[in-house]
């Protein structure tokens, strides 16, 4: 059985993913790195308290077969672009570098639809650069998930976001053909897709938009 290493386990997608990995018979151990203790208890689970600054000191403990990265912030929580870049780019890349050096064979990374290192939009450029730099680490398998609107109820009260999610629910059926990549998907469904992808690793690099995620979800 395998060991999974998870970053972003307290987040909306990451919390669901953590549960899926703990419930999977494929893993004997799941290591989660978080800024504070998690409200989850399981015999398989080891929680390491850390962040970007303390990650190098945790290196001896970051040994796993697979690394799952669902890290990210928002401009509301992190308005400073330099700090935002550290969380959305530097932290995932360093985590992947350490895991790769410690022998991890596969990486599963959540970014966003439209990610492009050449984009003029800061958010999309940052997501594109983190993809580029993790791909350069040359894992045996790299899976990149590019969701659009992430649907579902969050614990944090976000009235504006709730409105956007409600509108997206109406728009979803209208997004067809090339536009289907902008369809929304529930956070727990994205987590299920990532866990399923870990059981179907054949290609060296695979990128998932809505269509690929929806297809895998149905299997």
N, C-alpha and C. Protein backbone atom coordinates (compact mmCIF):
# COMPACT_ATOMS: atom_id res chain seq x y z
N UNK A 1 0.84 -1.20 0.00
CA UNK A 1 0.00 0.00 0.00
C UNK A 1 0.87 1.25 0.00
N UNK A 2 0.25 2.37 -0.37
CA UNK A 2 1.00 3.60 -0.60
C UNK A 2 0.86 4.60 0.55
N UNK A 3 1.77 5.58 0.51
CA UNK A 3 1.69 6.73 1.42
C UNK A 3 1.37 7.96 0.58
N UNK A 4 0.39 8.74 1.04
CA UNK A 4 0.00 9.97 0.37
C UNK A 4 0.43 11.17 1.21
N UNK A 5 0.87 12.22 0.54
CA UNK A 5 1.26 13.46 1.19
C UNK A 5 0.33 14.54 0.67
N UNK A 6 -0.36 15.25 1.57
CA UNK A 6 -1.40 16.19 1.18
C UNK A 6 -1.09 17.60 1.68
N UNK A 7 -1.18 18.55 0.76
CA UNK A 7 -1.07 19.98 1.09
C UNK A 7 -2.38 20.65 0.73
N UNK A 8 -2.92 21.43 1.67
CA UNK A 8 -4.20 22.08 1.45
C UNK A 8 -5.36 21.29 2.01
N UNK A 9 -5.08 20.43 2.98
CA UNK A 9 -6.11 19.54 3.53
C UNK A 9 -7.19 20.27 4.32
N UNK A 10 -6.97 21.52 4.68
CA UNK A 10 -8.00 22.27 5.41
C UNK A 10 -8.88 23.07 4.45
N UNK A 11 -8.55 23.06 3.17
CA UNK A 11 -9.31 23.82 2.19
C UNK A 11 -10.55 23.10 1.72
N UNK A 12 -11.29 23.75 0.83
CA UNK A 12 -12.58 23.22 0.40
C UNK A 12 -12.43 21.91 -0.37
N UNK A 13 -11.54 21.87 -1.35
CA UNK A 13 -11.30 20.63 -2.09
C UNK A 13 -10.44 19.69 -1.25
N UNK A 14 -9.41 20.23 -0.63
CA UNK A 14 -8.46 19.41 0.12
C UNK A 14 -9.07 18.64 1.27
N UNK A 15 -10.05 19.22 1.94
CA UNK A 15 -10.68 18.52 3.07
C UNK A 15 -11.44 17.28 2.59
N UNK A 16 -12.12 17.41 1.46
CA UNK A 16 -12.82 16.26 0.88
C UNK A 16 -11.82 15.23 0.36
N UNK A 17 -10.75 15.71 -0.24
CA UNK A 17 -9.73 14.80 -0.76
C UNK A 17 -9.08 14.01 0.37
N UNK A 18 -8.79 14.67 1.47
CA UNK A 18 -8.20 13.99 2.62
C UNK A 18 -9.08 12.84 3.07
N UNK A 19 -10.39 13.08 3.15
CA UNK A 19 -11.31 12.02 3.57
C UNK A 19 -11.29 10.86 2.58
N UNK A 20 -11.27 11.18 1.28
CA UNK A 20 -11.25 10.12 0.26
C UNK A 20 -9.99 9.27 0.39
N UNK A 21 -8.87 9.91 0.60
CA UNK A 21 -7.60 9.17 0.72
C UNK A 21 -7.58 8.31 1.97
N UNK A 22 -8.10 8.84 3.06
CA UNK A 22 -8.16 8.06 4.31
C UNK A 22 -9.08 6.86 4.17
N UNK A 23 -10.15 7.01 3.39
CA UNK A 23 -11.10 5.92 3.20
C UNK A 23 -10.64 4.89 2.18
N UNK A 24 -9.63 5.24 1.38
CA UNK A 24 -9.19 4.35 0.33
C UNK A 24 -8.30 3.23 0.88
N UNK A 25 -8.54 1.99 0.44
CA UNK A 25 -7.68 0.87 0.86
C UNK A 25 -6.31 0.90 0.19
N UNK A 26 -6.12 1.83 -0.76
CA UNK A 26 -4.84 1.92 -1.46
C UNK A 26 -3.74 2.54 -0.61
N UNK A 27 -4.13 3.22 0.47
CA UNK A 27 -3.15 3.95 1.28
C UNK A 27 -3.11 3.41 2.71
N UNK A 28 -1.91 3.14 3.15
CA UNK A 28 -1.73 2.71 4.55
C UNK A 28 -1.43 3.91 5.44
N UNK A 29 -1.01 5.02 4.82
CA UNK A 29 -0.65 6.20 5.61
C UNK A 29 -0.91 7.46 4.78
N UNK A 30 -1.45 8.48 5.43
CA UNK A 30 -1.68 9.77 4.81
C UNK A 30 -1.05 10.85 5.69
N UNK A 31 -0.16 11.62 5.11
CA UNK A 31 0.51 12.70 5.84
C UNK A 31 -0.04 14.02 5.31
N UNK A 32 -0.56 14.85 6.20
CA UNK A 32 -1.09 16.15 5.82
C UNK A 32 -0.27 17.25 6.48
N UNK A 33 0.14 18.24 5.69
CA UNK A 33 0.85 19.40 6.22
C UNK A 33 -0.14 20.56 6.29
N UNK A 34 -0.30 21.13 7.47
CA UNK A 34 -1.27 22.20 7.67
C UNK A 34 -0.73 23.23 8.65
N UNK A 35 -1.29 24.42 8.60
CA UNK A 35 -0.84 25.50 9.49
C UNK A 35 -1.30 25.29 10.93
N UNK A 36 -2.37 24.52 11.11
CA UNK A 36 -2.88 24.26 12.45
C UNK A 36 -3.50 22.87 12.47
N UNK A 37 -3.75 22.31 13.66
CA UNK A 37 -4.33 20.96 13.73
C UNK A 37 -5.64 20.85 12.95
N UNK A 38 -5.87 19.69 12.36
CA UNK A 38 -7.08 19.46 11.59
C UNK A 38 -8.16 18.83 12.46
N UNK A 39 -9.40 19.09 12.10
CA UNK A 39 -10.52 18.52 12.84
C UNK A 39 -10.86 17.14 12.30
N UNK A 40 -9.83 16.34 12.10
CA UNK A 40 -9.98 15.00 11.55
C UNK A 40 -9.08 14.07 12.36
N UNK A 41 -9.61 12.91 12.69
CA UNK A 41 -8.82 11.93 13.42
C UNK A 41 -8.96 10.59 12.72
N UNK A 42 -7.83 9.95 12.46
CA UNK A 42 -7.84 8.66 11.77
C UNK A 42 -6.53 7.95 12.07
N UNK A 43 -6.58 6.65 12.20
CA UNK A 43 -5.37 5.89 12.50
C UNK A 43 -4.33 6.02 11.41
N UNK A 44 -4.76 6.26 10.19
CA UNK A 44 -3.83 6.40 9.06
C UNK A 44 -3.17 7.78 9.02
N UNK A 45 -3.77 8.75 9.67
CA UNK A 45 -3.40 10.16 9.46
C UNK A 45 -2.29 10.66 10.38
N UNK A 46 -1.31 11.31 9.77
CA UNK A 46 -0.28 12.05 10.50
C UNK A 46 -0.36 13.50 10.05
N UNK A 47 -0.55 14.41 10.99
CA UNK A 47 -0.63 15.84 10.66
C UNK A 47 0.66 16.52 11.11
N UNK A 48 1.31 17.19 10.16
CA UNK A 48 2.51 17.96 10.45
C UNK A 48 2.16 19.44 10.38
N UNK A 49 2.50 20.18 11.41
CA UNK A 49 2.21 21.61 11.44
C UNK A 49 3.35 22.35 10.73
N UNK A 50 3.00 23.07 9.67
CA UNK A 50 4.05 23.77 8.93
C UNK A 50 3.48 24.69 7.88
N UNK A 51 4.38 25.48 7.28
CA UNK A 51 4.02 26.37 6.18
C UNK A 51 5.23 26.51 5.28
N UNK A 52 5.20 27.47 4.38
CA UNK A 52 6.31 27.64 3.43
C UNK A 52 7.64 27.82 4.14
N UNK A 53 7.66 28.64 5.18
CA UNK A 53 8.91 28.94 5.87
C UNK A 53 9.49 27.73 6.60
N UNK A 54 8.63 26.90 7.16
CA UNK A 54 9.10 25.77 7.96
C UNK A 54 9.23 24.47 7.17
N UNK A 55 8.83 24.50 5.90
CA UNK A 55 8.81 23.27 5.11
C UNK A 55 10.17 22.58 5.00
N UNK A 56 11.27 23.30 4.78
CA UNK A 56 12.57 22.61 4.68
C UNK A 56 12.90 21.79 5.92
N UNK A 57 12.52 22.28 7.10
CA UNK A 57 12.81 21.55 8.33
C UNK A 57 12.00 20.26 8.43
N UNK A 58 10.87 20.20 7.71
CA UNK A 58 10.03 19.01 7.74
C UNK A 58 10.44 17.97 6.70
N UNK A 59 11.44 18.30 5.90
CA UNK A 59 11.80 17.45 4.76
C UNK A 59 11.96 15.96 5.11
N UNK A 60 12.63 15.59 6.21
CA UNK A 60 12.79 14.16 6.50
C UNK A 60 11.46 13.42 6.70
N UNK A 61 10.40 14.16 7.02
CA UNK A 61 9.10 13.53 7.27
C UNK A 61 8.18 13.55 6.04
N UNK A 62 8.63 14.22 4.99
CA UNK A 62 7.79 14.36 3.80
C UNK A 62 8.12 13.29 2.77
N UNK A 63 8.00 12.05 3.20
CA UNK A 63 8.31 10.90 2.35
C UNK A 63 6.99 10.21 1.98
N UNK A 64 6.74 10.11 0.68
CA UNK A 64 5.48 9.52 0.24
C UNK A 64 5.62 9.01 -1.19
N UNK A 65 4.69 8.18 -1.59
CA UNK A 65 4.65 7.71 -2.97
C UNK A 65 4.02 8.74 -3.88
N UNK A 66 3.03 9.48 -3.34
CA UNK A 66 2.27 10.44 -4.13
C UNK A 66 2.07 11.72 -3.32
N UNK A 67 2.09 12.85 -4.01
CA UNK A 67 1.83 14.13 -3.36
C UNK A 67 0.62 14.79 -4.00
N UNK A 68 -0.28 15.28 -3.17
CA UNK A 68 -1.51 15.93 -3.61
C UNK A 68 -1.46 17.39 -3.14
N UNK A 69 -1.60 18.32 -4.09
CA UNK A 69 -1.47 19.74 -3.77
C UNK A 69 -2.74 20.49 -4.14
N UNK A 70 -3.46 20.95 -3.13
CA UNK A 70 -4.67 21.74 -3.35
C UNK A 70 -4.56 23.05 -2.58
N UNK A 71 -3.39 23.67 -2.69
CA UNK A 71 -3.11 24.92 -1.98
C UNK A 71 -3.63 26.11 -2.78
N UNK A 72 -3.97 27.16 -2.07
CA UNK A 72 -4.38 28.37 -2.76
C UNK A 72 -4.97 29.37 -1.78
N UNK A 73 -4.99 30.61 -2.18
CA UNK A 73 -5.59 31.66 -1.37
C UNK A 73 -6.51 32.47 -2.27
N UNK A 74 -7.02 33.58 -1.74
CA UNK A 74 -7.87 34.47 -2.53
C UNK A 74 -7.32 35.88 -2.41
N UNK A 75 -7.67 36.73 -3.36
CA UNK A 75 -7.20 38.12 -3.30
C UNK A 75 -7.81 38.83 -2.08
N UNK A 76 -8.97 38.38 -1.64
CA UNK A 76 -9.58 38.98 -0.45
C UNK A 76 -8.73 38.71 0.78
N UNK A 77 -8.27 37.47 0.93
CA UNK A 77 -7.46 37.11 2.09
C UNK A 77 -6.01 37.56 1.94
N UNK A 78 -5.53 37.60 0.71
CA UNK A 78 -4.13 37.95 0.46
C UNK A 78 -4.06 38.97 -0.66
N UNK A 79 -4.33 40.24 -0.37
CA UNK A 79 -4.35 41.26 -1.42
C UNK A 79 -2.98 41.60 -1.99
N UNK A 80 -1.92 41.38 -1.20
CA UNK A 80 -0.57 41.68 -1.67
C UNK A 80 -0.12 40.62 -2.67
N UNK A 81 0.24 41.04 -3.89
CA UNK A 81 0.58 40.08 -4.94
C UNK A 81 1.81 39.23 -4.59
N UNK A 82 2.79 39.83 -3.92
CA UNK A 82 3.99 39.07 -3.58
C UNK A 82 3.66 37.94 -2.60
N UNK A 83 2.81 38.23 -1.61
CA UNK A 83 2.41 37.20 -0.65
C UNK A 83 1.52 36.16 -1.32
N UNK A 84 0.66 36.63 -2.19
CA UNK A 84 -0.22 35.72 -2.93
C UNK A 84 0.61 34.73 -3.75
N UNK A 85 1.64 35.23 -4.40
CA UNK A 85 2.50 34.40 -5.24
C UNK A 85 3.23 33.34 -4.40
N UNK A 86 3.63 33.72 -3.20
CA UNK A 86 4.30 32.76 -2.33
C UNK A 86 3.40 31.58 -2.00
N UNK A 87 2.11 31.86 -1.75
CA UNK A 87 1.17 30.81 -1.36
C UNK A 87 0.76 29.97 -2.57
N UNK A 88 0.50 30.64 -3.69
CA UNK A 88 -0.04 29.93 -4.86
C UNK A 88 1.04 29.36 -5.78
N UNK A 89 2.26 29.85 -5.67
CA UNK A 89 3.34 29.33 -6.51
C UNK A 89 4.48 28.73 -5.70
N UNK A 90 5.11 29.54 -4.87
CA UNK A 90 6.32 29.10 -4.18
C UNK A 90 6.09 27.89 -3.27
N UNK A 91 4.99 27.93 -2.52
CA UNK A 91 4.71 26.84 -1.59
C UNK A 91 4.45 25.52 -2.33
N UNK A 92 3.56 25.49 -3.34
CA UNK A 92 3.36 24.22 -4.06
C UNK A 92 4.63 23.70 -4.73
N UNK A 93 5.42 24.60 -5.31
CA UNK A 93 6.63 24.15 -6.00
C UNK A 93 7.64 23.58 -5.01
N UNK A 94 7.84 24.24 -3.88
CA UNK A 94 8.78 23.73 -2.88
C UNK A 94 8.30 22.39 -2.33
N UNK A 95 7.00 22.27 -2.07
CA UNK A 95 6.46 21.00 -1.56
C UNK A 95 6.73 19.88 -2.56
N UNK A 96 6.50 20.16 -3.83
CA UNK A 96 6.72 19.15 -4.87
C UNK A 96 8.20 18.82 -5.00
N UNK A 97 9.06 19.82 -4.91
CA UNK A 97 10.51 19.59 -5.00
C UNK A 97 10.98 18.65 -3.89
N UNK A 98 10.52 18.91 -2.67
CA UNK A 98 10.94 18.09 -1.53
C UNK A 98 10.41 16.66 -1.68
N UNK A 99 9.14 16.55 -2.04
CA UNK A 99 8.56 15.21 -2.20
C UNK A 99 9.28 14.43 -3.30
N UNK A 100 9.60 15.11 -4.40
CA UNK A 100 10.30 14.45 -5.51
C UNK A 100 11.67 13.98 -5.06
N UNK A 101 12.39 14.84 -4.33
CA UNK A 101 13.71 14.47 -3.83
C UNK A 101 13.65 13.30 -2.87
N UNK A 102 12.51 13.17 -2.18
CA UNK A 102 12.32 12.07 -1.23
C UNK A 102 11.72 10.82 -1.87
N UNK A 103 11.59 10.83 -3.19
CA UNK A 103 11.17 9.61 -3.88
C UNK A 103 9.74 9.52 -4.37
N UNK A 104 8.95 10.58 -4.23
CA UNK A 104 7.58 10.53 -4.73
C UNK A 104 7.56 10.34 -6.24
N UNK A 105 6.67 9.51 -6.71
CA UNK A 105 6.59 9.20 -8.14
C UNK A 105 5.48 9.96 -8.86
N UNK A 106 4.47 10.41 -8.13
CA UNK A 106 3.32 11.05 -8.76
C UNK A 106 2.93 12.32 -8.01
N UNK A 107 2.47 13.32 -8.79
CA UNK A 107 1.99 14.56 -8.21
C UNK A 107 0.62 14.87 -8.80
N UNK A 108 -0.28 15.34 -7.93
CA UNK A 108 -1.64 15.71 -8.31
C UNK A 108 -1.83 17.17 -7.89
N UNK A 109 -2.03 18.03 -8.85
CA UNK A 109 -2.02 19.48 -8.61
C UNK A 109 -3.32 20.12 -9.06
N UNK A 110 -3.94 20.92 -8.19
CA UNK A 110 -5.14 21.67 -8.54
C UNK A 110 -4.73 23.10 -8.91
N UNK A 111 -5.08 23.53 -10.13
CA UNK A 111 -4.80 24.91 -10.54
C UNK A 111 -6.13 25.58 -10.92
N UNK A 112 -6.29 25.99 -12.16
CA UNK A 112 -7.53 26.65 -12.57
C UNK A 112 -7.65 26.65 -14.08
N UNK A 113 -8.87 26.68 -14.57
CA UNK A 113 -9.10 26.78 -16.00
C UNK A 113 -8.46 28.07 -16.52
N UNK A 114 -7.79 27.98 -17.65
CA UNK A 114 -7.14 29.15 -18.23
C UNK A 114 -5.72 29.38 -17.75
N UNK A 115 -5.21 28.49 -16.90
CA UNK A 115 -3.83 28.65 -16.40
C UNK A 115 -2.86 28.74 -17.57
N UNK A 116 -2.01 29.76 -17.52
CA UNK A 116 -1.10 30.00 -18.64
C UNK A 116 0.04 30.90 -18.16
N UNK A 117 1.25 30.38 -18.21
CA UNK A 117 2.40 31.15 -17.72
C UNK A 117 2.64 32.42 -18.53
N UNK A 118 2.06 32.51 -19.72
CA UNK A 118 2.24 33.70 -20.56
C UNK A 118 1.06 34.67 -20.46
N UNK A 119 0.10 34.37 -19.59
CA UNK A 119 -1.09 35.21 -19.48
C UNK A 119 -0.77 36.59 -18.92
N UNK A 120 -1.53 37.57 -19.34
CA UNK A 120 -1.39 38.92 -18.80
C UNK A 120 -2.19 39.10 -17.52
N UNK A 121 -2.97 38.09 -17.15
CA UNK A 121 -3.77 38.13 -15.92
C UNK A 121 -2.96 37.48 -14.80
N UNK A 122 -2.72 38.20 -13.73
CA UNK A 122 -1.86 37.72 -12.64
C UNK A 122 -2.27 36.35 -12.13
N UNK A 123 -3.56 36.16 -11.86
CA UNK A 123 -4.05 34.90 -11.32
C UNK A 123 -3.75 33.73 -12.25
N UNK A 124 -4.08 33.90 -13.53
CA UNK A 124 -3.86 32.81 -14.50
C UNK A 124 -2.38 32.59 -14.76
N UNK A 125 -1.60 33.67 -14.74
CA UNK A 125 -0.15 33.54 -14.94
C UNK A 125 0.48 32.77 -13.78
N UNK A 126 0.05 33.08 -12.57
CA UNK A 126 0.58 32.38 -11.39
C UNK A 126 0.25 30.89 -11.47
N UNK A 127 -0.98 30.56 -11.82
CA UNK A 127 -1.36 29.16 -11.94
C UNK A 127 -0.57 28.47 -13.05
N UNK A 128 -0.35 29.19 -14.15
CA UNK A 128 0.44 28.62 -15.24
C UNK A 128 1.89 28.40 -14.86
N UNK A 129 2.43 29.30 -14.08
CA UNK A 129 3.83 29.17 -13.67
C UNK A 129 4.02 28.03 -12.68
N UNK A 130 3.05 27.81 -11.82
CA UNK A 130 3.19 26.69 -10.89
C UNK A 130 3.08 25.36 -11.65
N UNK A 131 2.22 25.31 -12.66
CA UNK A 131 2.16 24.11 -13.50
C UNK A 131 3.50 23.88 -14.20
N UNK A 132 4.01 24.93 -14.81
CA UNK A 132 5.29 24.84 -15.55
C UNK A 132 6.40 24.33 -14.66
N UNK A 133 6.51 24.89 -13.46
CA UNK A 133 7.64 24.56 -12.60
C UNK A 133 7.50 23.18 -11.97
N UNK A 134 6.29 22.72 -11.74
CA UNK A 134 6.12 21.37 -11.23
C UNK A 134 6.31 20.34 -12.34
N UNK A 135 5.88 20.66 -13.54
CA UNK A 135 6.14 19.77 -14.68
C UNK A 135 7.65 19.59 -14.89
N UNK A 136 8.42 20.66 -14.64
CA UNK A 136 9.87 20.60 -14.83
C UNK A 136 10.55 19.65 -13.85
N UNK A 137 9.85 19.28 -12.77
CA UNK A 137 10.43 18.35 -11.79
C UNK A 137 10.44 16.92 -12.31
N UNK A 138 9.71 16.67 -13.39
CA UNK A 138 9.75 15.39 -14.09
C UNK A 138 9.36 14.20 -13.20
N UNK A 139 8.19 14.32 -12.57
CA UNK A 139 7.64 13.17 -11.85
C UNK A 139 7.32 12.07 -12.86
N UNK A 140 7.23 10.86 -12.39
CA UNK A 140 6.84 9.77 -13.28
C UNK A 140 5.43 10.00 -13.82
N UNK A 141 4.56 10.55 -12.96
CA UNK A 141 3.20 10.89 -13.37
C UNK A 141 2.84 12.26 -12.81
N UNK A 142 2.32 13.14 -13.67
CA UNK A 142 1.87 14.46 -13.24
C UNK A 142 0.43 14.63 -13.70
N UNK A 143 -0.47 14.87 -12.75
CA UNK A 143 -1.88 15.09 -13.05
C UNK A 143 -2.24 16.51 -12.63
N UNK A 144 -2.77 17.29 -13.57
CA UNK A 144 -3.12 18.68 -13.30
C UNK A 144 -4.62 18.85 -13.50
N UNK A 145 -5.28 19.39 -12.50
CA UNK A 145 -6.73 19.58 -12.53
C UNK A 145 -7.03 21.07 -12.63
N UNK A 146 -7.80 21.44 -13.66
CA UNK A 146 -8.09 22.85 -13.92
C UNK A 146 -9.59 23.12 -13.79
N UNK A 147 -10.11 23.19 -12.58
CA UNK A 147 -11.54 23.48 -12.42
C UNK A 147 -11.84 24.94 -12.76
N UNK A 148 -13.09 25.18 -13.10
CA UNK A 148 -13.58 26.54 -13.28
C UNK A 148 -14.25 26.94 -11.96
N UNK A 149 -15.52 27.27 -11.97
CA UNK A 149 -16.21 27.60 -10.73
C UNK A 149 -16.33 26.36 -9.85
N UNK A 150 -15.91 26.49 -8.59
CA UNK A 150 -15.99 25.37 -7.64
C UNK A 150 -17.28 25.54 -6.84
N UNK A 151 -18.21 24.64 -7.07
CA UNK A 151 -19.53 24.75 -6.47
C UNK A 151 -19.58 24.04 -5.12
N UNK A 152 -20.60 24.39 -4.32
CA UNK A 152 -20.79 23.74 -3.04
C UNK A 152 -20.76 24.72 -1.88
N UNK A 153 -21.34 24.32 -0.77
CA UNK A 153 -21.43 25.18 0.41
C UNK A 153 -20.13 25.16 1.19
N UNK A 154 -19.62 26.34 1.49
CA UNK A 154 -18.40 26.47 2.29
C UNK A 154 -18.77 26.85 3.72
N UNK A 155 -17.87 26.52 4.65
CA UNK A 155 -18.11 26.90 6.05
C UNK A 155 -18.04 28.42 6.21
N UNK A 156 -17.12 29.04 5.48
CA UNK A 156 -16.95 30.49 5.58
C UNK A 156 -18.08 31.19 4.84
N UNK A 157 -18.61 32.25 5.46
CA UNK A 157 -19.71 32.99 4.85
C UNK A 157 -19.17 33.92 3.76
N UNK A 158 -19.57 33.65 2.51
CA UNK A 158 -19.13 34.46 1.37
C UNK A 158 -20.36 34.81 0.54
N UNK A 159 -21.11 35.85 0.94
CA UNK A 159 -22.36 36.19 0.24
C UNK A 159 -22.18 36.43 -1.25
N UNK A 160 -21.16 37.18 -1.62
CA UNK A 160 -20.93 37.46 -3.04
C UNK A 160 -20.64 36.18 -3.81
N UNK A 161 -19.83 35.31 -3.21
CA UNK A 161 -19.48 34.07 -3.87
C UNK A 161 -20.70 33.16 -3.99
N UNK A 162 -21.56 33.16 -2.99
CA UNK A 162 -22.78 32.35 -3.06
C UNK A 162 -23.65 32.79 -4.24
N UNK A 163 -23.70 34.10 -4.47
CA UNK A 163 -24.48 34.62 -5.59
C UNK A 163 -23.89 34.16 -6.92
N UNK A 164 -22.56 34.25 -7.03
CA UNK A 164 -21.90 33.83 -8.27
C UNK A 164 -22.11 32.34 -8.52
N UNK A 165 -22.02 31.55 -7.45
CA UNK A 165 -22.22 30.11 -7.58
C UNK A 165 -23.64 29.81 -8.05
N UNK A 166 -24.63 30.56 -7.51
CA UNK A 166 -26.02 30.36 -7.91
C UNK A 166 -26.21 30.69 -9.39
N UNK A 167 -25.59 31.78 -9.84
CA UNK A 167 -25.68 32.16 -11.25
C UNK A 167 -25.02 31.10 -12.12
N UNK A 168 -23.88 30.59 -11.66
CA UNK A 168 -23.14 29.57 -12.43
C UNK A 168 -23.96 28.30 -12.58
N UNK A 169 -24.74 27.99 -11.56
CA UNK A 169 -25.59 26.81 -11.63
C UNK A 169 -26.60 26.92 -12.77
N UNK A 170 -27.07 28.14 -13.03
CA UNK A 170 -27.99 28.38 -14.14
C UNK A 170 -27.25 28.33 -15.47
N UNK A 171 -26.04 28.87 -15.50
CA UNK A 171 -25.27 28.93 -16.74
C UNK A 171 -24.71 27.58 -17.17
N UNK A 172 -24.45 26.71 -16.22
CA UNK A 172 -23.77 25.44 -16.50
C UNK A 172 -24.29 24.69 -17.73
N UNK A 173 -25.62 24.48 -17.84
CA UNK A 173 -26.11 23.72 -18.99
C UNK A 173 -25.90 24.43 -20.33
N UNK A 174 -25.67 25.74 -20.28
CA UNK A 174 -25.51 26.51 -21.51
C UNK A 174 -24.07 26.49 -22.02
N UNK A 175 -23.17 26.02 -21.18
CA UNK A 175 -21.75 25.99 -21.56
C UNK A 175 -21.47 24.66 -22.26
N UNK A 176 -21.49 24.70 -23.59
CA UNK A 176 -21.32 23.48 -24.37
C UNK A 176 -20.17 23.64 -25.36
N UNK A 177 -19.76 22.53 -25.95
CA UNK A 177 -18.65 22.57 -26.91
C UNK A 177 -17.37 23.02 -26.23
N UNK A 178 -16.57 23.87 -26.89
CA UNK A 178 -15.31 24.33 -26.30
C UNK A 178 -15.50 25.08 -24.98
N UNK A 179 -16.70 25.61 -24.77
CA UNK A 179 -16.96 26.38 -23.54
C UNK A 179 -17.25 25.49 -22.34
N UNK A 180 -17.35 24.17 -22.55
CA UNK A 180 -17.71 23.30 -21.43
C UNK A 180 -16.64 23.26 -20.35
N UNK A 181 -15.41 23.66 -20.69
CA UNK A 181 -14.37 23.68 -19.66
C UNK A 181 -14.64 24.71 -18.57
N UNK A 182 -15.57 25.63 -18.85
CA UNK A 182 -15.91 26.64 -17.85
C UNK A 182 -17.08 26.23 -16.97
N UNK A 183 -17.58 25.02 -17.17
CA UNK A 183 -18.65 24.54 -16.31
C UNK A 183 -18.15 24.37 -14.87
N UNK A 184 -19.03 24.63 -13.92
CA UNK A 184 -18.67 24.44 -12.53
C UNK A 184 -18.79 22.99 -12.10
N UNK A 185 -18.07 22.65 -11.05
CA UNK A 185 -18.10 21.30 -10.50
C UNK A 185 -17.99 21.41 -8.98
N UNK A 186 -18.72 20.60 -8.28
CA UNK A 186 -18.71 20.65 -6.82
C UNK A 186 -17.34 20.29 -6.26
N UNK A 187 -16.97 20.94 -5.18
CA UNK A 187 -15.65 20.71 -4.58
C UNK A 187 -15.43 19.26 -4.19
N UNK A 188 -16.47 18.60 -3.64
CA UNK A 188 -16.30 17.20 -3.26
C UNK A 188 -16.17 16.31 -4.48
N UNK A 189 -16.81 16.69 -5.59
CA UNK A 189 -16.67 15.90 -6.82
C UNK A 189 -15.26 16.04 -7.40
N UNK A 190 -14.70 17.23 -7.31
CA UNK A 190 -13.32 17.42 -7.78
C UNK A 190 -12.38 16.54 -6.96
N UNK A 191 -12.62 16.49 -5.65
CA UNK A 191 -11.81 15.63 -4.77
C UNK A 191 -11.94 14.17 -5.17
N UNK A 192 -13.17 13.74 -5.45
CA UNK A 192 -13.39 12.34 -5.87
C UNK A 192 -12.62 12.04 -7.16
N UNK A 193 -12.63 13.00 -8.08
CA UNK A 193 -11.93 12.82 -9.36
C UNK A 193 -10.43 12.64 -9.12
N UNK A 194 -9.86 13.47 -8.25
CA UNK A 194 -8.43 13.38 -7.97
C UNK A 194 -8.09 12.01 -7.37
N UNK A 195 -8.90 11.57 -6.42
CA UNK A 195 -8.66 10.25 -5.80
C UNK A 195 -8.79 9.13 -6.83
N UNK A 196 -9.75 9.25 -7.75
CA UNK A 196 -9.90 8.25 -8.80
C UNK A 196 -8.72 8.27 -9.77
N UNK A 197 -8.24 9.47 -10.08
CA UNK A 197 -7.11 9.59 -11.00
C UNK A 197 -5.88 8.88 -10.44
N UNK A 198 -5.75 8.87 -9.12
CA UNK A 198 -4.61 8.20 -8.50
C UNK A 198 -4.65 6.69 -8.71
N UNK A 199 -5.84 6.18 -9.04
CA UNK A 199 -5.96 4.74 -9.28
C UNK A 199 -5.84 4.40 -10.77
N UNK A 200 -5.73 5.42 -11.61
CA UNK A 200 -5.65 5.20 -13.05
C UNK A 200 -4.49 6.01 -13.64
N UNK A 201 -3.29 5.60 -13.32
CA UNK A 201 -2.11 6.35 -13.77
C UNK A 201 -1.41 5.59 -14.89
N UNK A 202 -1.59 6.09 -16.10
CA UNK A 202 -0.92 5.48 -17.25
C UNK A 202 -0.07 6.51 -17.99
N UNK A 203 -0.61 7.70 -18.19
CA UNK A 203 0.12 8.74 -18.92
C UNK A 203 1.12 9.45 -18.02
N UNK A 204 2.17 9.94 -18.61
CA UNK A 204 3.17 10.69 -17.83
C UNK A 204 2.59 12.03 -17.38
N UNK A 205 1.89 12.71 -18.29
CA UNK A 205 1.27 14.00 -17.96
C UNK A 205 -0.18 13.97 -18.43
N UNK A 206 -1.09 14.35 -17.56
CA UNK A 206 -2.49 14.45 -17.95
C UNK A 206 -3.10 15.71 -17.34
N UNK A 207 -3.82 16.46 -18.17
CA UNK A 207 -4.49 17.68 -17.72
C UNK A 207 -5.99 17.46 -17.82
N UNK A 208 -6.69 17.79 -16.75
CA UNK A 208 -8.13 17.56 -16.67
C UNK A 208 -8.88 18.89 -16.64
N UNK A 209 -9.77 19.08 -17.63
CA UNK A 209 -10.75 20.16 -17.58
C UNK A 209 -12.09 19.52 -17.18
N UNK A 210 -13.16 20.29 -17.27
CA UNK A 210 -14.46 19.79 -16.82
C UNK A 210 -14.82 18.47 -17.50
N UNK A 211 -14.65 18.39 -18.81
CA UNK A 211 -15.07 17.20 -19.54
C UNK A 211 -14.36 15.95 -19.04
N UNK A 212 -13.04 16.05 -18.85
CA UNK A 212 -12.26 14.89 -18.38
C UNK A 212 -12.61 14.55 -16.94
N UNK A 213 -12.85 15.58 -16.12
CA UNK A 213 -13.21 15.32 -14.73
C UNK A 213 -14.59 14.68 -14.63
N UNK A 214 -15.54 15.17 -15.42
CA UNK A 214 -16.89 14.63 -15.40
C UNK A 214 -16.89 13.18 -15.87
N UNK A 215 -16.09 12.87 -16.89
CA UNK A 215 -16.01 11.51 -17.39
C UNK A 215 -15.44 10.56 -16.34
N UNK A 216 -14.40 11.00 -15.66
CA UNK A 216 -13.78 10.15 -14.64
C UNK A 216 -14.71 9.97 -13.46
N UNK A 217 -15.48 10.99 -13.17
CA UNK A 217 -16.43 10.94 -12.05
C UNK A 217 -17.50 9.88 -12.29
N UNK A 218 -17.82 9.65 -13.55
CA UNK A 218 -18.88 8.68 -13.89
C UNK A 218 -18.39 7.23 -13.85
N UNK A 219 -17.08 7.02 -13.81
CA UNK A 219 -16.55 5.65 -13.84
C UNK A 219 -16.65 4.99 -12.47
